[in-house]
Amino acid sequence: MACPTQTKPEMPRKALQDGSEGVVKAQALIKDGAVRDVTILSGPRIFHAAVKAAMMQYKCTADSGEILATQEFIFKQE
C-alpha cells in the first residue's frame, strides 16, 4: 500500500506563537484508497487537529479491504 498524494500538516498558529514543538504518531484506517478515520496515538494535543486534517486528504493505492497505517509527524519551529 502506498499513498502517493500526501498533504503535509500545517503548523498551528498557536504552536508558532508558543514556540511549541513535538512528534505526533497517528494511525489511519484506509479503505478503498481513501483514509476513512485517523486516530492519534501520541504527541502534543496542540498538533492533533492539523495531523487529522492532513491525513484525511491522503490519496492511496491499495487492494480492496481495510488497512491500518501508522505515521509520525515532526513539528519543529523553523
PDB file of N, CA and C in Angstrom:
ATOM      1  N   MET A   1       0.835  -1.169   0.000  1.00  0.00           N
ATOM      2  CA  MET A   1       0.000   0.000   0.000  1.00  0.00           C
ATOM      3  C   MET A   1       0.885   1.239   0.000  1.00  0.00           C
ATOM      4  N   ALA A   2       0.521   2.218  -0.785  1.00  0.00           N
ATOM      5  CA  ALA A   2       1.265   3.472  -0.831  1.00  0.00           C
ATOM      6  C   ALA A   2       0.270   4.619  -0.929  1.00  0.00           C
ATOM      7  N   CYS A   3       0.690   5.756  -0.421  1.00  0.00           N
ATOM      8  CA  CYS A   3      -0.136   6.964  -0.512  1.00  0.00           C
ATOM      9  C   CYS A   3       0.687   8.036  -1.234  1.00  0.00           C
ATOM     10  N   PRO A   4       0.643   8.016  -2.569  1.00  0.00           N
ATOM     11  CA  PRO A   4       1.470   8.953  -3.323  1.00  0.00           C
ATOM     12  C   PRO A   4       1.063  10.414  -3.119  1.00  0.00           C
ATOM     13  N   THR A   5      -0.191  10.666  -2.784  1.00  0.00           N
ATOM     14  CA  THR A   5      -0.637  12.035  -2.527  1.00  0.00           C
ATOM     15  C   THR A   5      -0.780  12.229  -1.030  1.00  0.00           C
ATOM     16  N   GLN A   6       0.171  12.938  -0.440  1.00  0.00           N
ATOM     17  CA  GLN A   6       0.143  13.205   0.996  1.00  0.00           C
ATOM     18  C   GLN A   6       0.194  14.704   1.239  1.00  0.00           C
ATOM     19  N   THR A   7      -0.684  15.171   2.089  1.00  0.00           N
ATOM     20  CA  THR A   7      -0.724  16.579   2.465  1.00  0.00           C
ATOM     21  C   THR A   7       0.052  16.744   3.758  1.00  0.00           C
ATOM     22  N   LYS A   8       0.955  17.714   3.777  1.00  0.00           N
ATOM     23  CA  LYS A   8       1.746  17.963   4.983  1.00  0.00           C
ATOM     24  C   LYS A   8       0.908  18.775   5.972  1.00  0.00           C
ATOM     25  N   PRO A   9       0.894  18.364   7.246  1.00  0.00           N
ATOM     26  CA  PRO A   9       0.123  19.146   8.213  1.00  0.00           C
ATOM     27  C   PRO A   9       0.723  20.535   8.422  1.00  0.00           C
ATOM     28  N   GLU A  10      -0.158  21.504   8.600  1.00  0.00           N
ATOM     29  CA  GLU A  10       0.296  22.865   8.833  1.00  0.00           C
ATOM     30  C   GLU A  10       0.617  23.060  10.308  1.00  0.00           C
ATOM     31  N   MET A  11       1.627  23.862  10.580  1.00  0.00           N
ATOM     32  CA  MET A  11       1.967  24.215  11.950  1.00  0.00           C
ATOM     33  C   MET A  11       0.849  25.114  12.487  1.00  0.00           C
ATOM     34  N   PRO A  12       0.182  24.710  13.562  1.00  0.00           N
ATOM     35  CA  PRO A  12      -0.885  25.553  14.111  1.00  0.00           C
ATOM     36  C   PRO A  12      -0.342  26.918  14.544  1.00  0.00           C
ATOM     37  N   ARG A  13      -1.136  27.952  14.321  1.00  0.00           N
ATOM     38  CA  ARG A  13      -0.724  29.318  14.660  1.00  0.00           C
ATOM     39  C   ARG A  13      -0.363  29.439  16.138  1.00  0.00           C
ATOM     40  N   LYS A  14      -1.157  28.791  17.001  1.00  0.00           N
ATOM     41  CA  LYS A  14      -0.892  28.853  18.445  1.00  0.00           C
ATOM     42  C   LYS A  14       0.450  28.210  18.775  1.00  0.00           C
ATOM     43  N   ALA A  15       0.783  27.135  18.086  1.00  0.00           N
ATOM     44  CA  ALA A  15       2.068  26.474  18.313  1.00  0.00           C
ATOM     45  C   ALA A  15       3.221  27.384  17.903  1.00  0.00           C
ATOM     46  N   LEU A  16       3.038  28.123  16.810  1.00  0.00           N
ATOM     47  CA  LEU A  16       4.061  29.077  16.377  1.00  0.00           C
ATOM     48  C   LEU A  16       4.256  30.165  17.432  1.00  0.00           C
ATOM     49  N   GLN A  17       3.150  30.669  17.955  1.00  0.00           N
ATOM     50  CA  GLN A  17       3.215  31.727  18.968  1.00  0.00           C
ATOM     51  C   GLN A  17       3.866  31.226  20.255  1.00  0.00           C
ATOM     52  N   ASP A  18       3.540  29.999  20.645  1.00  0.00           N
ATOM     53  CA  ASP A  18       4.042  29.433  21.903  1.00  0.00           C
ATOM     54  C   ASP A  18       5.447  28.855  21.767  1.00  0.00           C
ATOM     55  N   GLY A  19       5.908  28.657  20.518  1.00  0.00           N
ATOM     56  CA  GLY A  19       7.189  28.001  20.305  1.00  0.00           C
ATOM     57  C   GLY A  19       7.113  26.497  20.530  1.00  0.00           C
ATOM     58  N   SER A  20       5.905  25.932  20.405  1.00  0.00           N
ATOM     59  CA  SER A  20       5.698  24.503  20.658  1.00  0.00           C
ATOM     60  C   SER A  20       6.300  23.647  19.548  1.00  0.00           C
ATOM     61  N   GLU A  21       6.875  22.522  19.955  1.00  0.00           N
ATOM     62  CA  GLU A  21       7.396  21.521  19.022  1.00  0.00           C
ATOM     63  C   GLU A  21       7.004  20.154  19.548  1.00  0.00           C
ATOM     64  N   GLY A  22       7.100  19.143  18.695  1.00  0.00           N
ATOM     65  CA  GLY A  22       6.808  17.798  19.164  1.00  0.00           C
ATOM     66  C   GLY A  22       6.652  16.818  18.018  1.00  0.00           C
ATOM     67  N   VAL A  23       6.439  15.570  18.401  1.00  0.00           N
ATOM     68  CA  VAL A  23       6.234  14.486  17.438  1.00  0.00           C
ATOM     69  C   VAL A  23       4.865  13.881  17.702  1.00  0.00           C
ATOM     70  N   VAL A  24       4.086  13.745  16.646  1.00  0.00           N
ATOM     71  CA  VAL A  24       2.761  13.146  16.749  1.00  0.00           C
ATOM     72  C   VAL A  24       2.776  11.828  15.983  1.00  0.00           C
ATOM     73  N   LYS A  25       2.286  10.786  16.625  1.00  0.00           N
ATOM     74  CA  LYS A  25       2.150   9.480  15.984  1.00  0.00           C
ATOM     75  C   LYS A  25       0.664   9.245  15.753  1.00  0.00           C
ATOM     76  N   ALA A  26       0.311   8.954  14.503  1.00  0.00           N
ATOM     77  CA  ALA A  26      -1.095   8.783  14.143  1.00  0.00           C
ATOM     78  C   ALA A  26      -1.294   7.503  13.346  1.00  0.00           C
ATOM     79  N   GLN A  27      -2.504   6.968  13.457  1.00  0.00           N
ATOM     80  CA  GLN A  27      -2.854   5.744  12.736  1.00  0.00           C
ATOM     81  C   GLN A  27      -4.049   6.046  11.842  1.00  0.00           C
ATOM     82  N   ALA A  28      -3.945   5.664  10.585  1.00  0.00           N
ATOM     83  CA  ALA A  28      -5.021   5.905   9.621  1.00  0.00           C
ATOM     84  C   ALA A  28      -5.664   4.589   9.215  1.00  0.00           C
ATOM     85  N   LEU A  29      -6.979   4.588   9.142  1.00  0.00           N
ATOM     86  CA  LEU A  29      -7.729   3.462   8.604  1.00  0.00           C
ATOM     87  C   LEU A  29      -7.990   3.789   7.142  1.00  0.00           C
ATOM     88  N   ILE A  30      -7.404   2.978   6.255  1.00  0.00           N
ATOM     89  CA  ILE A  30      -7.514   3.221   4.815  1.00  0.00           C
ATOM     90  C   ILE A  30      -8.380   2.131   4.195  1.00  0.00           C
ATOM     91  N   LYS A  31      -9.387   2.566   3.471  1.00  0.00           N
ATOM     92  CA  LYS A  31     -10.288   1.616   2.810  1.00  0.00           C
ATOM     93  C   LYS A  31     -10.522   2.096   1.389  1.00  0.00           C
ATOM     94  N   ASP A  32     -10.306   1.205   0.435  1.00  0.00           N
ATOM     95  CA  ASP A  32     -10.502   1.517  -0.983  1.00  0.00           C
ATOM     96  C   ASP A  32      -9.724   2.761  -1.420  1.00  0.00           C
ATOM     97  N   GLY A  33      -8.508   2.916  -0.898  1.00  0.00           N
ATOM     98  CA  GLY A  33      -7.639   4.001  -1.329  1.00  0.00           C
ATOM     99  C   GLY A  33      -7.885   5.338  -0.665  1.00  0.00           C
ATOM    100  N   ALA A  34      -8.829   5.388   0.273  1.00  0.00           N
ATOM    101  CA  ALA A  34      -9.121   6.657   0.953  1.00  0.00           C
ATOM    102  C   ALA A  34      -9.003   6.473   2.463  1.00  0.00           C
ATOM    103  N   VAL A  35      -8.549   7.529   3.128  1.00  0.00           N
ATOM    104  CA  VAL A  35      -8.459   7.490   4.591  1.00  0.00           C
ATOM    105  C   VAL A  35      -9.862   7.697   5.139  1.00  0.00           C
ATOM    106  N   ARG A  36     -10.321   6.734   5.929  1.00  0.00           N
ATOM    107  CA  ARG A  36     -11.674   6.788   6.498  1.00  0.00           C
ATOM    108  C   ARG A  36     -11.678   7.335   7.924  1.00  0.00           C
ATOM    109  N   ASP A  37     -10.570   7.115   8.652  1.00  0.00           N
ATOM    110  CA  ASP A  37     -10.512   7.553  10.040  1.00  0.00           C
ATOM    111  C   ASP A  37      -9.059   7.734  10.446  1.00  0.00           C
ATOM    112  N   VAL A  38      -8.806   8.674  11.351  1.00  0.00           N
ATOM    113  CA  VAL A  38      -7.465   8.919  11.868  1.00  0.00           C
ATOM    114  C   VAL A  38      -7.542   8.886  13.391  1.00  0.00           C
ATOM    115  N   THR A  39      -6.655   8.114  14.002  1.00  0.00           N
ATOM    116  CA  THR A  39      -6.554   8.041  15.453  1.00  0.00           C
ATOM    117  C   THR A  39      -5.181   8.539  15.861  1.00  0.00           C
ATOM    118  N   ILE A  40      -5.145   9.490  16.785  1.00  0.00           N
ATOM    119  CA  ILE A  40      -3.869   9.991  17.290  1.00  0.00           C
ATOM    120  C   ILE A  40      -3.405   9.043  18.394  1.00  0.00           C
ATOM    121  N   LEU A  41      -2.209   8.517  18.253  1.00  0.00           N
ATOM    122  CA  LEU A  41      -1.667   7.558  19.218  1.00  0.00           C
ATOM    123  C   LEU A  41      -0.849   8.247  20.307  1.00  0.00           C
ATOM    124  N   SER A  42      -0.136   9.317  19.937  1.00  0.00           N
ATOM    125  CA  SER A  42       0.675  10.032  20.923  1.00  0.00           C
ATOM    126  C   SER A  42       1.080  11.381  20.355  1.00  0.00           C
ATOM    127  N   GLY A  43       1.517  12.256  21.248  1.00  0.00           N
ATOM    128  CA  GLY A  43       2.019  13.558  20.830  1.00  0.00           C
ATOM    129  C   GLY A  43       1.235  14.694  21.446  1.00  0.00           C
ATOM    130  N   PRO A  44       1.804  15.899  21.378  1.00  0.00           N
ATOM    131  CA  PRO A  44       1.162  17.072  21.962  1.00  0.00           C
ATOM    132  C   PRO A  44      -0.204  17.359  21.326  1.00  0.00           C
ATOM    133  N   ARG A  45      -1.191  17.601  22.159  1.00  0.00           N
ATOM    134  CA  ARG A  45      -2.571  17.818  21.717  1.00  0.00           C
ATOM    135  C   ARG A  45      -2.695  18.991  20.736  1.00  0.00           C
ATOM    136  N   ILE A  46      -1.840  19.985  20.861  1.00  0.00           N
ATOM    137  CA  ILE A  46      -1.927  21.177  20.019  1.00  0.00           C
ATOM    138  C   ILE A  46      -1.800  20.847  18.525  1.00  0.00           C
ATOM    139  N   PHE A  47      -1.177  19.702  18.192  1.00  0.00           N
ATOM    140  CA  PHE A  47      -0.959  19.326  16.797  1.00  0.00           C
ATOM    141  C   PHE A  47      -1.991  18.318  16.269  1.00  0.00           C
ATOM    142  N   HIS A  48      -2.845  17.772  17.116  1.00  0.00           N
ATOM    143  CA  HIS A  48      -3.740  16.679  16.717  1.00  0.00           C
ATOM    144  C   HIS A  48      -4.659  17.045  15.547  1.00  0.00           C
ATOM    145  N   ALA A  49      -5.311  18.215  15.619  1.00  0.00           N
ATOM    146  CA  ALA A  49      -6.255  18.594  14.558  1.00  0.00           C
ATOM    147  C   ALA A  49      -5.543  18.764  13.212  1.00  0.00           C
ATOM    148  N   ALA A  50      -4.340  19.325  13.226  1.00  0.00           N
ATOM    149  CA  ALA A  50      -3.593  19.529  11.978  1.00  0.00           C
ATOM    150  C   ALA A  50      -3.227  18.194  11.333  1.00  0.00           C
ATOM    151  N   VAL A  51      -2.828  17.224  12.152  1.00  0.00           N
ATOM    152  CA  VAL A  51      -2.470  15.898  11.628  1.00  0.00           C
ATOM    153  C   VAL A  51      -3.702  15.205  11.052  1.00  0.00           C
ATOM    154  N   LYS A  52      -4.806  15.242  11.778  1.00  0.00           N
ATOM    155  CA  LYS A  52      -6.036  14.597  11.285  1.00  0.00           C
ATOM    156  C   LYS A  52      -6.488  15.210   9.969  1.00  0.00           C
ATOM    157  N   ALA A  53      -6.487  16.538   9.899  1.00  0.00           N
ATOM    158  CA  ALA A  53      -6.926  17.215   8.680  1.00  0.00           C
ATOM    159  C   ALA A  53      -6.049  16.843   7.485  1.00  0.00           C
ATOM    160  N   ALA A  54      -4.748  16.779   7.703  1.00  0.00           N
ATOM    161  CA  ALA A  54      -3.828  16.435   6.612  1.00  0.00           C
ATOM    162  C   ALA A  54      -4.027  14.988   6.160  1.00  0.00           C
ATOM    163  N   MET A  55      -4.094  14.071   7.107  1.00  0.00           N
ATOM    164  CA  MET A  55      -4.196  12.649   6.732  1.00  0.00           C
ATOM    165  C   MET A  55      -5.517  12.325   6.039  1.00  0.00           C
ATOM    166  N   MET A  56      -6.576  13.038   6.370  1.00  0.00           N
ATOM    167  CA  MET A  56      -7.870  12.776   5.733  1.00  0.00           C
ATOM    168  C   MET A  56      -7.852  13.143   4.247  1.00  0.00           C
ATOM    169  N   GLN A  57      -6.855  13.906   3.813  1.00  0.00           N
ATOM    170  CA  GLN A  57      -6.745  14.299   2.398  1.00  0.00           C
ATOM    171  C   GLN A  57      -5.873  13.350   1.582  1.00  0.00           C
ATOM    172  N   TYR A  58      -5.249  12.368   2.218  1.00  0.00           N
ATOM    173  CA  TYR A  58      -4.368  11.438   1.508  1.00  0.00           C
ATOM    174  C   TYR A  58      -5.138  10.678   0.438  1.00  0.00           C
ATOM    175  N   LYS A  59      -4.460  10.403  -0.664  1.00  0.00           N
ATOM    176  CA  LYS A  59      -4.985   9.521  -1.715  1.00  0.00           C
ATOM    177  C   LYS A  59      -4.031   8.341  -1.800  1.00  0.00           C
ATOM    178  N   CYS A  60      -4.565   7.155  -1.598  1.00  0.00           N
ATOM    179  CA  CYS A  60      -3.724   5.955  -1.508  1.00  0.00           C
ATOM    180  C   CYS A  60      -4.095   4.944  -2.587  1.00  0.00           C
ATOM    181  N   THR A  61      -3.121   4.086  -2.885  1.00  0.00           N
ATOM    182  CA  THR A  61      -3.377   2.952  -3.765  1.00  0.00           C
ATOM    183  C   THR A  61      -3.333   1.718  -2.880  1.00  0.00           C
ATOM    184  N   ALA A  62      -4.400   0.967  -2.908  1.00  0.00           N
ATOM    185  CA  ALA A  62      -4.467  -0.189  -2.021  1.00  0.00           C
ATOM    186  C   ALA A  62      -5.365  -1.255  -2.634  1.00  0.00           C
ATOM    187  N   ASP A  63      -5.134  -2.472  -2.220  1.00  0.00           N
ATOM    188  CA  ASP A  63      -6.036  -3.550  -2.592  1.00  0.00           C
ATOM    189  C   ASP A  63      -7.339  -3.327  -1.850  1.00  0.00           C
ATOM    190  N   SER A  64      -8.354  -4.068  -2.243  1.00  0.00           N
ATOM    191  CA  SER A  64      -9.624  -3.926  -1.534  1.00  0.00           C
ATOM    192  C   SER A  64      -9.442  -4.387  -0.089  1.00  0.00           C
ATOM    193  N   GLY A  65     -10.288  -3.907   0.758  1.00  0.00           N
ATOM    194  CA  GLY A  65     -10.171  -4.225   2.172  1.00  0.00           C
ATOM    195  C   GLY A  65      -9.662  -3.033   2.951  1.00  0.00           C
ATOM    196  N   GLU A  66      -9.517  -3.250   4.251  1.00  0.00           N
ATOM    197  CA  GLU A  66      -9.079  -2.173   5.130  1.00  0.00           C
ATOM    198  C   GLU A  66      -7.640  -2.386   5.564  1.00  0.00           C
ATOM    199  N   ILE A  67      -6.914  -1.279   5.688  1.00  0.00           N
ATOM    200  CA  ILE A  67      -5.520  -1.320   6.124  1.00  0.00           C
ATOM    201  C   ILE A  67      -5.333  -0.270   7.205  1.00  0.00           C
ATOM    202  N   LEU A  68      -4.588  -0.619   8.241  1.00  0.00           N
ATOM    203  CA  LEU A  68      -4.193   0.353   9.259  1.00  0.00           C
ATOM    204  C   LEU A  68      -2.747   0.734   8.990  1.00  0.00           C
ATOM    205  N   ALA A  69      -2.485   2.020   8.881  1.00  0.00           N
ATOM    206  CA  ALA A  69      -1.131   2.512   8.635  1.00  0.00           C
ATOM    207  C   ALA A  69      -0.785   3.541   9.702  1.00  0.00           C
ATOM    208  N   THR A  70       0.453   3.481  10.196  1.00  0.00           N
ATOM    209  CA  THR A  70       0.915   4.409  11.220  1.00  0.00           C
ATOM    210  C   THR A  70       1.974   5.326  10.627  1.00  0.00           C
ATOM    211  N   GLN A  71       1.927   6.592  11.029  1.00  0.00           N
ATOM    212  CA  GLN A  71       2.883   7.567  10.521  1.00  0.00           C
ATOM    213  C   GLN A  71       3.234   8.552  11.638  1.00  0.00           C
ATOM    214  N   GLU A  72       4.479   9.015  11.621  1.00  0.00           N
ATOM    215  CA  GLU A  72       4.921  10.021  12.585  1.00  0.00           C
ATOM    216  C   GLU A  72       5.102  11.367  11.877  1.00  0.00           C
ATOM    217  N   PHE A  73       4.740  12.419  12.576  1.00  0.00           N
ATOM    218  CA  PHE A  73       4.875  13.781  12.062  1.00  0.00           C
ATOM    219  C   PHE A  73       5.724  14.562  13.057  1.00  0.00           C
ATOM    220  N   ILE A  74       6.752  15.235  12.554  1.00  0.00           N
ATOM    221  CA  ILE A  74       7.637  16.019  13.428  1.00  0.00           C
ATOM    222  C   ILE A  74       7.322  17.500  13.199  1.00  0.00           C
ATOM    223  N   PHE A  75       6.954  18.164  14.263  1.00  0.00           N
ATOM    224  CA  PHE A  75       6.674  19.600  14.212  1.00  0.00           C
ATOM    225  C   PHE A  75       7.846  20.325  14.849  1.00  0.00           C
ATOM    226  N   LYS A  76       8.543  21.124  14.041  1.00  0.00           N
ATOM    227  CA  LYS A  76       9.700  21.879  14.514  1.00  0.00           C
ATOM    228  C   LYS A  76       9.565  23.324  14.095  1.00  0.00           C
ATOM    229  N   GLN A  77       9.978  24.211  14.954  1.00  0.00           N
ATOM    230  CA  GLN A  77       9.990  25.628  14.608  1.00  0.00           C
ATOM    231  C   GLN A  77      11.155  25.865  13.644  1.00  0.00           C
ATOM    232  N   GLU A  78      10.896  26.607  12.598  1.00  0.00           N
ATOM    233  CA  GLU A  78      11.955  26.884  11.594  1.00  0.00           C
ATOM    234  C   GLU A  78      12.825  28.040  12.058  1.00  0.00           C
TER     235      GLU A  78
END
